[in-house]
């Protein structure tokens, strides 16, 4: 009887630790992505460049050189990927706890 209780407690602790890990990973990814977006907005210094952001990122992904250099598209791409990773991690955590 004690072994079963100990086994259940160990399983609950392991599940709680995994849950905390996934929540922390999602929070870190989303905050990193938001920080990258803020840095890219500060780097751009004007609204016209920010309006061209989707074009710059697409050209960066396709390997086309940009007149603005590689820094802004790289910051935007890193920010986007981090936020998407955080959202996926949050979704996976929610999906696991739903069942």
N, C-alpha and C. Protein backbone atom coordinates (compact mmCIF):
# COMPACT_ATOMS: atom_id res chain seq x y z
N UNK A 1 0.83 -1.18 0.00
CA UNK A 1 0.00 0.00 0.00
C UNK A 1 0.88 1.25 0.00
N UNK A 2 1.92 1.25 0.81
CA UNK A 2 2.81 2.40 0.88
C UNK A 2 3.55 2.59 -0.44
N UNK A 3 3.91 1.48 -1.08
CA UNK A 3 4.62 1.56 -2.35
C UNK A 3 3.74 2.20 -3.43
N UNK A 4 2.46 1.87 -3.43
CA UNK A 4 1.55 2.45 -4.42
C UNK A 4 1.39 3.95 -4.20
N UNK A 5 1.29 4.35 -2.94
CA UNK A 5 1.16 5.77 -2.63
C UNK A 5 2.42 6.51 -3.00
N UNK A 6 3.57 5.93 -2.69
CA UNK A 6 4.85 6.54 -3.02
C UNK A 6 5.02 6.65 -4.53
N UNK A 7 4.60 5.62 -5.26
CA UNK A 7 4.68 5.63 -6.71
C UNK A 7 3.78 6.71 -7.30
N UNK A 8 2.57 6.86 -6.78
CA UNK A 8 1.64 7.90 -7.27
C UNK A 8 2.18 9.29 -6.97
N UNK A 9 2.77 9.49 -5.78
CA UNK A 9 3.34 10.79 -5.44
C UNK A 9 4.51 11.13 -6.34
N UNK A 10 5.34 10.13 -6.65
CA UNK A 10 6.48 10.35 -7.54
C UNK A 10 6.00 10.73 -8.94
N UNK A 11 4.96 10.05 -9.41
CA UNK A 11 4.40 10.36 -10.74
C UNK A 11 3.82 11.77 -10.77
N UNK A 12 3.10 12.17 -9.72
CA UNK A 12 2.53 13.51 -9.66
C UNK A 12 3.62 14.58 -9.63
N UNK A 13 4.69 14.32 -8.88
CA UNK A 13 5.80 15.27 -8.80
C UNK A 13 6.49 15.40 -10.15
N UNK A 14 6.69 14.28 -10.83
CA UNK A 14 7.33 14.31 -12.14
C UNK A 14 6.45 15.06 -13.14
N UNK A 15 5.15 14.84 -13.09
CA UNK A 15 4.23 15.53 -13.98
C UNK A 15 4.23 17.04 -13.71
N UNK A 16 4.27 17.41 -12.43
CA UNK A 16 4.30 18.83 -12.06
C UNK A 16 5.60 19.48 -12.53
N UNK A 17 6.72 18.77 -12.40
CA UNK A 17 8.00 19.30 -12.85
C UNK A 17 8.02 19.51 -14.36
N UNK A 18 7.45 18.55 -15.10
CA UNK A 18 7.39 18.71 -16.56
C UNK A 18 6.49 19.87 -16.94
N UNK A 19 5.40 20.04 -16.21
CA UNK A 19 4.48 21.14 -16.49
C UNK A 19 5.18 22.49 -16.27
N UNK A 20 5.90 22.60 -15.17
CA UNK A 20 6.62 23.83 -14.88
C UNK A 20 7.68 24.10 -15.95
N UNK A 21 8.35 23.06 -16.40
CA UNK A 21 9.37 23.20 -17.44
C UNK A 21 8.76 23.77 -18.72
N UNK A 22 7.61 23.22 -19.17
CA UNK A 22 7.00 23.67 -20.41
C UNK A 22 6.48 25.10 -20.30
N UNK A 23 5.91 25.43 -19.15
CA UNK A 23 5.42 26.80 -18.95
C UNK A 23 6.59 27.78 -18.95
N UNK A 24 7.67 27.41 -18.28
CA UNK A 24 8.85 28.28 -18.25
C UNK A 24 9.45 28.44 -19.65
N UNK A 25 9.52 27.34 -20.40
CA UNK A 25 10.06 27.41 -21.76
C UNK A 25 9.21 28.32 -22.64
N UNK A 26 7.90 28.20 -22.53
CA UNK A 26 7.01 29.06 -23.32
C UNK A 26 7.17 30.53 -22.94
N UNK A 27 7.25 30.79 -21.65
CA UNK A 27 7.41 32.18 -21.19
C UNK A 27 8.73 32.77 -21.67
N UNK A 28 9.79 31.99 -21.61
CA UNK A 28 11.09 32.48 -22.06
C UNK A 28 11.10 32.74 -23.57
N UNK A 29 10.52 31.83 -24.34
CA UNK A 29 10.48 32.03 -25.78
C UNK A 29 9.67 33.26 -26.17
N UNK A 30 8.51 33.42 -25.55
CA UNK A 30 7.67 34.57 -25.88
C UNK A 30 8.34 35.88 -25.46
N UNK A 31 8.96 35.89 -24.29
CA UNK A 31 9.63 37.13 -23.85
C UNK A 31 10.85 37.43 -24.72
N UNK A 32 11.57 36.39 -25.13
CA UNK A 32 12.70 36.60 -26.04
C UNK A 32 12.22 37.17 -27.37
N UNK A 33 11.13 36.63 -27.90
CA UNK A 33 10.58 37.13 -29.15
C UNK A 33 10.13 38.57 -29.05
N UNK A 34 9.46 38.91 -27.94
CA UNK A 34 9.03 40.30 -27.74
C UNK A 34 10.22 41.24 -27.64
N UNK A 35 11.27 40.80 -26.97
CA UNK A 35 12.48 41.61 -26.86
C UNK A 35 13.12 41.82 -28.23
N UNK A 36 13.16 40.79 -29.06
CA UNK A 36 13.72 40.91 -30.40
C UNK A 36 12.89 41.88 -31.24
N UNK A 37 11.57 41.85 -31.09
CA UNK A 37 10.73 42.80 -31.81
C UNK A 37 11.01 44.23 -31.36
N UNK A 38 11.19 44.44 -30.07
CA UNK A 38 11.50 45.78 -29.57
C UNK A 38 12.86 46.26 -30.08
N UNK A 39 13.85 45.36 -30.08
CA UNK A 39 15.17 45.73 -30.61
C UNK A 39 15.09 46.04 -32.09
N UNK A 40 14.32 45.28 -32.84
CA UNK A 40 14.23 45.56 -34.27
C UNK A 40 13.49 46.87 -34.52
N UNK A 41 12.49 47.20 -33.70
CA UNK A 41 11.81 48.49 -33.85
C UNK A 41 12.76 49.64 -33.52
N UNK A 42 13.59 49.46 -32.49
CA UNK A 42 14.57 50.50 -32.15
C UNK A 42 15.65 50.61 -33.22
N UNK A 43 16.01 49.51 -33.83
CA UNK A 43 17.03 49.51 -34.87
C UNK A 43 16.52 50.19 -36.14
N UNK A 44 15.26 49.98 -36.46
CA UNK A 44 14.70 50.53 -37.70
C UNK A 44 14.64 52.05 -37.66
N UNK A 45 14.25 52.62 -36.54
CA UNK A 45 14.22 54.07 -36.31
C UNK A 45 13.23 54.84 -37.16
N UNK A 46 12.48 54.20 -38.02
CA UNK A 46 11.44 54.91 -38.75
C UNK A 46 10.30 53.95 -39.11
N UNK A 47 9.16 54.54 -39.36
CA UNK A 47 7.96 53.75 -39.60
C UNK A 47 7.98 53.10 -40.98
N UNK A 48 8.57 53.78 -41.95
CA UNK A 48 8.62 53.22 -43.30
C UNK A 48 9.36 51.89 -43.35
N UNK A 49 10.45 51.81 -42.64
CA UNK A 49 11.21 50.56 -42.60
C UNK A 49 10.41 49.47 -41.91
N UNK A 50 9.70 49.81 -40.84
CA UNK A 50 8.87 48.82 -40.15
C UNK A 50 7.71 48.36 -41.03
N UNK A 51 7.18 49.26 -41.87
CA UNK A 51 6.12 48.85 -42.79
C UNK A 51 6.63 47.88 -43.84
N UNK A 52 7.91 47.98 -44.18
CA UNK A 52 8.52 47.07 -45.15
C UNK A 52 9.01 45.78 -44.49
N UNK A 53 8.77 45.60 -43.20
CA UNK A 53 9.31 44.45 -42.46
C UNK A 53 8.95 43.11 -43.08
N UNK A 54 7.69 42.86 -43.46
CA UNK A 54 7.40 41.56 -44.08
C UNK A 54 8.19 41.30 -45.36
N UNK A 55 8.35 42.36 -46.17
CA UNK A 55 9.14 42.22 -47.40
C UNK A 55 10.60 41.92 -47.07
N UNK A 56 11.14 42.62 -46.07
CA UNK A 56 12.54 42.41 -45.69
C UNK A 56 12.77 41.00 -45.17
N UNK A 57 11.84 40.51 -44.36
CA UNK A 57 11.98 39.15 -43.81
C UNK A 57 11.88 38.12 -44.93
N UNK A 58 10.93 38.30 -45.84
CA UNK A 58 10.79 37.35 -46.94
C UNK A 58 12.02 37.36 -47.83
N UNK A 59 12.56 38.52 -48.12
CA UNK A 59 13.79 38.60 -48.92
C UNK A 59 14.95 37.94 -48.19
N UNK A 60 15.00 38.11 -46.87
CA UNK A 60 16.06 37.48 -46.07
C UNK A 60 15.94 35.96 -46.13
N UNK A 61 14.72 35.45 -46.01
CA UNK A 61 14.51 34.00 -46.06
C UNK A 61 14.87 33.45 -47.44
N UNK A 62 14.56 34.22 -48.49
CA UNK A 62 14.86 33.78 -49.85
C UNK A 62 16.32 34.00 -50.24
N UNK A 63 17.09 34.70 -49.40
CA UNK A 63 18.50 34.91 -49.67
C UNK A 63 18.79 36.11 -50.55
N UNK A 64 17.84 37.01 -50.72
CA UNK A 64 18.05 38.20 -51.54
C UNK A 64 18.71 39.28 -50.68
N UNK A 65 19.74 39.93 -51.20
CA UNK A 65 20.39 40.99 -50.42
C UNK A 65 19.44 42.18 -50.23
N UNK A 66 19.63 42.87 -49.11
CA UNK A 66 18.77 44.01 -48.78
C UNK A 66 19.63 45.26 -48.64
N UNK A 67 19.03 46.39 -48.97
CA UNK A 67 19.75 47.66 -48.82
C UNK A 67 19.92 48.02 -47.35
N UNK A 68 19.12 47.43 -46.47
CA UNK A 68 19.20 47.72 -45.05
C UNK A 68 20.18 46.80 -44.32
N UNK A 69 20.76 45.85 -45.02
CA UNK A 69 21.67 44.90 -44.39
C UNK A 69 20.90 43.72 -43.82
N UNK A 70 21.61 42.88 -43.12
CA UNK A 70 21.03 41.65 -42.63
C UNK A 70 20.50 41.78 -41.20
N UNK A 71 20.86 42.82 -40.49
CA UNK A 71 20.54 42.92 -39.06
C UNK A 71 19.04 42.99 -38.80
N UNK A 72 18.34 43.89 -39.45
CA UNK A 72 16.92 44.04 -39.20
C UNK A 72 16.13 42.79 -39.57
N UNK A 73 16.31 42.20 -40.75
CA UNK A 73 15.57 40.96 -41.05
C UNK A 73 15.92 39.82 -40.09
N UNK A 74 17.17 39.75 -39.66
CA UNK A 74 17.56 38.71 -38.73
C UNK A 74 16.88 38.88 -37.37
N UNK A 75 16.81 40.13 -36.88
CA UNK A 75 16.11 40.39 -35.62
C UNK A 75 14.62 40.06 -35.74
N UNK A 76 14.02 40.46 -36.84
CA UNK A 76 12.60 40.18 -37.03
C UNK A 76 12.33 38.68 -37.15
N UNK A 77 13.19 37.97 -37.88
CA UNK A 77 13.01 36.53 -38.03
C UNK A 77 13.20 35.81 -36.71
N UNK A 78 14.22 36.19 -35.94
CA UNK A 78 14.45 35.57 -34.64
C UNK A 78 13.29 35.84 -33.69
N UNK A 79 12.77 37.05 -33.71
CA UNK A 79 11.63 37.38 -32.87
C UNK A 79 10.39 36.59 -33.25
N UNK A 80 10.13 36.49 -34.54
CA UNK A 80 8.97 35.74 -35.01
C UNK A 80 9.07 34.26 -34.66
N UNK A 81 10.24 33.69 -34.89
CA UNK A 81 10.42 32.26 -34.59
C UNK A 81 10.31 31.98 -33.09
N UNK A 82 10.82 32.89 -32.28
CA UNK A 82 10.73 32.69 -30.83
C UNK A 82 9.29 32.79 -30.35
N UNK A 83 8.55 33.76 -30.85
CA UNK A 83 7.14 33.88 -30.45
C UNK A 83 6.34 32.67 -30.93
N UNK A 84 6.56 32.24 -32.15
CA UNK A 84 5.86 31.05 -32.65
C UNK A 84 6.23 29.81 -31.83
N UNK A 85 7.50 29.69 -31.48
CA UNK A 85 7.92 28.56 -30.63
C UNK A 85 7.24 28.60 -29.27
N UNK A 86 7.12 29.78 -28.70
CA UNK A 86 6.43 29.92 -27.41
C UNK A 86 4.96 29.58 -27.51
N UNK A 87 4.33 29.99 -28.60
CA UNK A 87 2.91 29.68 -28.80
C UNK A 87 2.71 28.18 -28.98
N UNK A 88 3.58 27.54 -29.75
CA UNK A 88 3.49 26.09 -29.94
C UNK A 88 3.73 25.37 -28.62
N UNK A 89 4.70 25.81 -27.85
CA UNK A 89 4.97 25.20 -26.55
C UNK A 89 3.77 25.35 -25.62
N UNK A 90 3.15 26.52 -25.63
CA UNK A 90 1.95 26.73 -24.82
C UNK A 90 0.83 25.81 -25.29
N UNK A 91 0.67 25.67 -26.59
CA UNK A 91 -0.36 24.78 -27.13
C UNK A 91 -0.11 23.32 -26.76
N UNK A 92 1.14 22.89 -26.82
CA UNK A 92 1.47 21.51 -26.44
C UNK A 92 1.17 21.30 -24.97
N UNK A 93 1.52 22.24 -24.13
CA UNK A 93 1.24 22.13 -22.69
C UNK A 93 -0.27 22.05 -22.45
N UNK A 94 -1.02 22.90 -23.11
CA UNK A 94 -2.47 22.89 -22.94
C UNK A 94 -3.04 21.56 -23.42
N UNK A 95 -2.55 21.05 -24.56
CA UNK A 95 -3.06 19.79 -25.12
C UNK A 95 -2.79 18.63 -24.18
N UNK A 96 -1.61 18.60 -23.57
CA UNK A 96 -1.28 17.51 -22.65
C UNK A 96 -2.14 17.53 -21.40
N UNK A 97 -2.44 18.72 -20.90
CA UNK A 97 -3.23 18.80 -19.67
C UNK A 97 -4.73 18.69 -19.93
N UNK A 98 -5.13 18.82 -21.16
CA UNK A 98 -6.54 18.71 -21.52
C UNK A 98 -7.02 17.27 -21.36
N UNK A 99 -6.15 16.34 -21.65
CA UNK A 99 -6.55 14.91 -21.60
C UNK A 99 -6.46 14.38 -20.22
